[in-house]
N, C-alpha and C. Protein backbone atom coordinates (compact mmCIF):
# COMPACT_ATOMS: atom_id res chain seq x y z
N MET A 1 -16.15 -12.97 2.07
CA MET A 1 -17.43 -12.89 2.08
C MET A 1 -17.76 -12.60 0.49
N ALA A 2 -16.54 -11.71 -0.06
CA ALA A 2 -16.89 -10.98 -1.37
C ALA A 2 -16.64 -12.49 -2.44
N PHE A 3 -16.04 -13.27 -2.15
CA PHE A 3 -15.90 -14.47 -3.12
C PHE A 3 -17.24 -15.04 -2.90
N ILE A 4 -17.72 -15.35 -1.94
CA ILE A 4 -19.24 -16.09 -2.19
C ILE A 4 -20.24 -15.30 -2.57
N LEU A 5 -20.17 -13.68 -2.33
CA LEU A 5 -21.17 -13.13 -3.13
C LEU A 5 -21.03 -13.29 -4.69
N VAL A 6 -19.75 -13.36 -5.15
CA VAL A 6 -19.47 -13.68 -6.50
C VAL A 6 -20.04 -14.62 -7.24
N GLU A 7 -19.55 -15.74 -6.12
CA GLU A 7 -20.16 -17.21 -6.49
C GLU A 7 -21.79 -17.07 -6.61
N LEU A 8 -22.33 -16.33 -5.61
CA LEU A 8 -23.81 -16.34 -5.80
C LEU A 8 -24.31 -15.80 -7.20
N ALA A 9 -23.74 -14.53 -7.33
CA ALA A 9 -24.11 -13.53 -8.42
C ALA A 9 -23.97 -14.42 -9.68
N THR A 10 -22.91 -14.86 -9.81
CA THR A 10 -22.49 -15.51 -11.26
C THR A 10 -22.86 -17.24 -11.46
N GLN A 11 -23.55 -17.71 -10.36
CA GLN A 11 -24.21 -19.09 -10.12
C GLN A 11 -22.85 -19.89 -10.26
N ASP A 12 -22.29 -19.86 -9.51
CA ASP A 12 -20.81 -20.54 -9.16
C ASP A 12 -19.76 -20.67 -10.55
N LEU A 13 -19.78 -19.79 -10.95
CA LEU A 13 -18.84 -19.61 -12.28
C LEU A 13 -17.42 -20.09 -11.77
N PRO A 14 -17.06 -19.25 -10.72
CA PRO A 14 -15.61 -19.59 -10.49
C PRO A 14 -15.23 -21.25 -10.12
N LEU A 15 -16.05 -22.01 -9.69
CA LEU A 15 -16.03 -23.22 -8.84
C LEU A 15 -16.57 -23.96 -10.42
N ARG A 16 -17.16 -23.50 -11.42
CA ARG A 16 -17.39 -24.27 -12.43
C ARG A 16 -16.30 -24.49 -13.54
N LEU A 17 -15.67 -23.06 -13.38
CA LEU A 17 -14.34 -23.19 -14.46
C LEU A 17 -13.39 -23.66 -13.93
N LEU A 18 -13.00 -23.87 -12.46
CA LEU A 18 -12.19 -24.48 -12.05
C LEU A 18 -12.45 -26.17 -12.21
N TYR A 19 -13.51 -26.70 -12.14
CA TYR A 19 -13.85 -28.18 -12.32
C TYR A 19 -13.77 -28.12 -13.92
N ASN A 20 -14.14 -27.33 -14.61
CA ASN A 20 -14.10 -27.67 -16.14
C ASN A 20 -12.57 -27.33 -16.72
N ASP A 21 -11.94 -27.03 -15.90
CA ASP A 21 -10.30 -26.81 -16.73
C ASP A 21 -9.53 -27.64 -15.87
N LEU A 22 -9.58 -27.93 -14.77
CA LEU A 22 -8.68 -29.02 -13.87
C LEU A 22 -9.81 -30.25 -13.64
N PRO A 23 -9.82 -31.08 -14.71
CA PRO A 23 -11.05 -32.16 -14.05
C PRO A 23 -10.85 -32.95 -12.98
N ILE A 24 -9.51 -32.79 -12.60
CA ILE A 24 -8.75 -33.52 -11.34
C ILE A 24 -9.44 -33.07 -10.08
N THR A 25 -10.03 -31.77 -9.98
CA THR A 25 -10.33 -31.05 -8.90
C THR A 25 -12.18 -31.14 -8.58
N ARG A 26 -12.49 -32.42 -9.84
CA ARG A 26 -13.91 -32.62 -9.61
C ARG A 26 -14.21 -33.25 -8.45
N PRO A 27 -15.55 -33.21 -7.98
CA PRO A 27 -15.76 -34.09 -6.57
C PRO A 27 -16.04 -35.65 -7.42
N ASP A 28 -15.98 -36.64 -6.63
CA ASP A 28 -16.24 -38.00 -7.17
C ASP A 28 -17.62 -38.37 -7.69
N GLY A 29 -18.72 -37.84 -6.68
CA GLY A 29 -20.00 -37.85 -7.07
C GLY A 29 -20.49 -36.89 -8.06
N THR A 30 -21.43 -37.30 -8.98
CA THR A 30 -21.93 -36.17 -10.00
C THR A 30 -23.17 -35.80 -9.11
N LYS A 31 -23.77 -35.84 -8.07
CA LYS A 31 -25.17 -35.84 -7.77
C LYS A 31 -25.66 -34.63 -7.82
N ARG A 32 -24.66 -33.49 -7.61
CA ARG A 32 -24.73 -32.11 -7.55
C ARG A 32 -24.57 -31.40 -8.50
N LEU A 33 -24.24 -32.18 -9.51
CA LEU A 33 -23.56 -31.42 -10.90
C LEU A 33 -24.56 -31.65 -12.15
N VAL A 34 -24.66 -30.78 -12.86
CA VAL A 34 -25.38 -30.94 -14.22
C VAL A 34 -24.44 -30.91 -15.66
N ILE A 35 -24.23 -31.86 -16.04
CA ILE A 35 -23.05 -32.13 -16.96
C ILE A 35 -23.50 -32.10 -18.40
N HIS A 36 -23.13 -31.20 -19.34
CA HIS A 36 -23.58 -31.37 -20.62
C HIS A 36 -22.58 -31.21 -21.49
N ASP A 37 -22.35 -32.56 -22.25
CA ASP A 37 -21.00 -32.52 -23.22
C ASP A 37 -19.79 -32.07 -22.27
N VAL A 38 -19.92 -32.97 -21.60
CA VAL A 38 -18.57 -33.07 -20.41
C VAL A 38 -18.29 -31.98 -19.81
N GLN A 39 -19.13 -31.19 -20.19
CA GLN A 39 -18.79 -29.55 -19.42
C GLN A 39 -20.10 -29.56 -18.45
N ILE A 40 -19.36 -28.83 -16.83
CA ILE A 40 -20.47 -28.80 -15.95
C ILE A 40 -20.99 -27.43 -15.82
N VAL A 41 -22.07 -27.24 -16.48
CA VAL A 41 -22.96 -26.08 -16.53
C VAL A 41 -23.73 -25.35 -15.60
N LYS A 42 -23.95 -26.52 -14.52
CA LYS A 42 -24.50 -26.09 -13.24
C LYS A 42 -24.07 -27.02 -12.10
N ILE A 43 -24.00 -26.08 -10.84
CA ILE A 43 -23.94 -26.77 -9.33
C ILE A 43 -25.05 -26.72 -8.76
N ALA A 44 -25.78 -27.71 -8.22
CA ALA A 44 -26.83 -27.59 -7.17
C ALA A 44 -26.48 -26.41 -6.22
N ALA A 45 -27.76 -25.83 -6.08
CA ALA A 45 -27.55 -24.47 -5.04
C ALA A 45 -26.99 -24.96 -3.77
N ASN A 46 -27.51 -26.29 -3.00
CA ASN A 46 -26.97 -26.67 -1.97
C ASN A 46 -25.72 -26.85 -1.47
N ALA A 47 -24.95 -26.93 -2.66
CA ALA A 47 -23.53 -27.05 -2.57
C ALA A 47 -22.75 -25.82 -2.05
N LEU A 48 -23.40 -24.55 -2.01
CA LEU A 48 -22.81 -23.13 -1.34
C LEU A 48 -22.78 -23.08 0.11
N ASN A 49 -23.77 -24.14 0.34
CA ASN A 49 -23.92 -24.05 2.09
C ASN A 49 -22.66 -24.32 2.69
N ARG A 50 -21.94 -25.35 2.63
CA ARG A 50 -20.27 -25.34 3.10
C ARG A 50 -19.56 -24.35 2.85
N ASN A 51 -19.83 -23.47 2.15
CA ASN A 51 -18.83 -22.37 1.72
C ASN A 51 -19.43 -21.30 2.62
N VAL A 52 -20.72 -21.28 2.85
CA VAL A 52 -21.27 -20.16 3.75
C VAL A 52 -21.26 -20.39 5.39
N ALA A 53 -21.20 -21.92 5.79
CA ALA A 53 -21.02 -22.15 7.12
C ALA A 53 -19.75 -21.65 7.52
N VAL A 54 -18.66 -22.08 6.78
CA VAL A 54 -17.07 -21.96 6.76
C VAL A 54 -17.15 -20.04 7.02
N MET A 55 -17.85 -19.33 6.12
CA MET A 55 -17.61 -18.01 5.96
C MET A 55 -17.90 -17.37 7.26
N LEU A 56 -19.17 -18.09 7.77
CA LEU A 56 -19.82 -17.52 8.94
C LEU A 56 -18.89 -17.72 10.19
N LEU A 57 -18.10 -18.99 10.06
CA LEU A 57 -17.39 -19.24 11.37
C LEU A 57 -16.44 -18.26 11.37
N MET A 58 -15.65 -18.11 10.24
CA MET A 58 -14.62 -17.12 10.16
C MET A 58 -14.85 -15.69 10.47
N LEU A 59 -15.89 -15.43 9.92
CA LEU A 59 -16.77 -14.00 10.22
C LEU A 59 -16.69 -13.51 11.80
N TRP A 60 -17.27 -14.59 12.42
CA TRP A 60 -17.42 -14.10 14.01
C TRP A 60 -16.02 -14.25 14.53
N SER A 61 -15.06 -14.96 14.08
CA SER A 61 -13.47 -14.92 14.76
C SER A 61 -12.84 -13.52 14.25
N ALA A 62 -13.31 -13.06 13.24
CA ALA A 62 -12.48 -11.91 12.69
C ALA A 62 -13.35 -10.33 13.58
N LEU A 63 -14.59 -10.65 13.51
CA LEU A 63 -15.38 -9.82 14.25
C LEU A 63 -14.87 -9.53 15.68
N LEU A 64 -14.64 -10.62 16.36
CA LEU A 64 -13.85 -10.84 18.08
C LEU A 64 -12.44 -9.97 17.86
N CYS A 65 -11.86 -10.54 17.10
CA CYS A 65 -10.39 -9.80 16.84
C CYS A 65 -10.55 -8.42 16.57
N LEU A 66 -11.39 -7.96 15.90
CA LEU A 66 -11.50 -6.50 15.49
C LEU A 66 -11.93 -5.69 16.54
N SER A 67 -12.88 -6.20 17.26
CA SER A 67 -13.32 -5.64 18.64
C SER A 67 -12.41 -5.81 19.57
N ARG A 68 -11.46 -6.56 20.01
CA ARG A 68 -10.39 -6.56 20.96
C ARG A 68 -9.49 -5.55 20.45
N PHE A 69 -9.00 -5.70 19.09
CA PHE A 69 -7.98 -4.38 18.63
C PHE A 69 -8.59 -2.97 18.75
N ARG A 70 -9.65 -2.81 18.74
CA ARG A 70 -10.30 -1.41 18.92
C ARG A 70 -10.39 -0.77 20.25
N ARG A 71 -10.40 -1.86 21.43
CA ARG A 71 -10.62 -1.65 22.60
C ARG A 71 -9.33 -1.39 23.12
N LYS A 72 -8.15 -1.65 22.35
CA LYS A 72 -6.68 -1.60 23.27
C LYS A 72 -6.18 0.14 22.59
N HIS A 73 -6.72 0.63 21.45
CA HIS A 73 -6.35 1.94 20.68
C HIS A 73 -7.54 2.62 21.55
């Protein structure tokens, strides 16, 4: 969750750095990307939705594990 909060606060800086430093990691379509002088300067806000969905699925699993662990002790 901390990583996603960092992405939100920095407007996807980690992902933009990855895409700009390693062009092979860029997605095939540039529909969600704003490119200026072959550098990605912005990623569409809806691109973060997939990360948030995965985070929420993992959060509920982690909370379930924690609740089970606390009951045993």
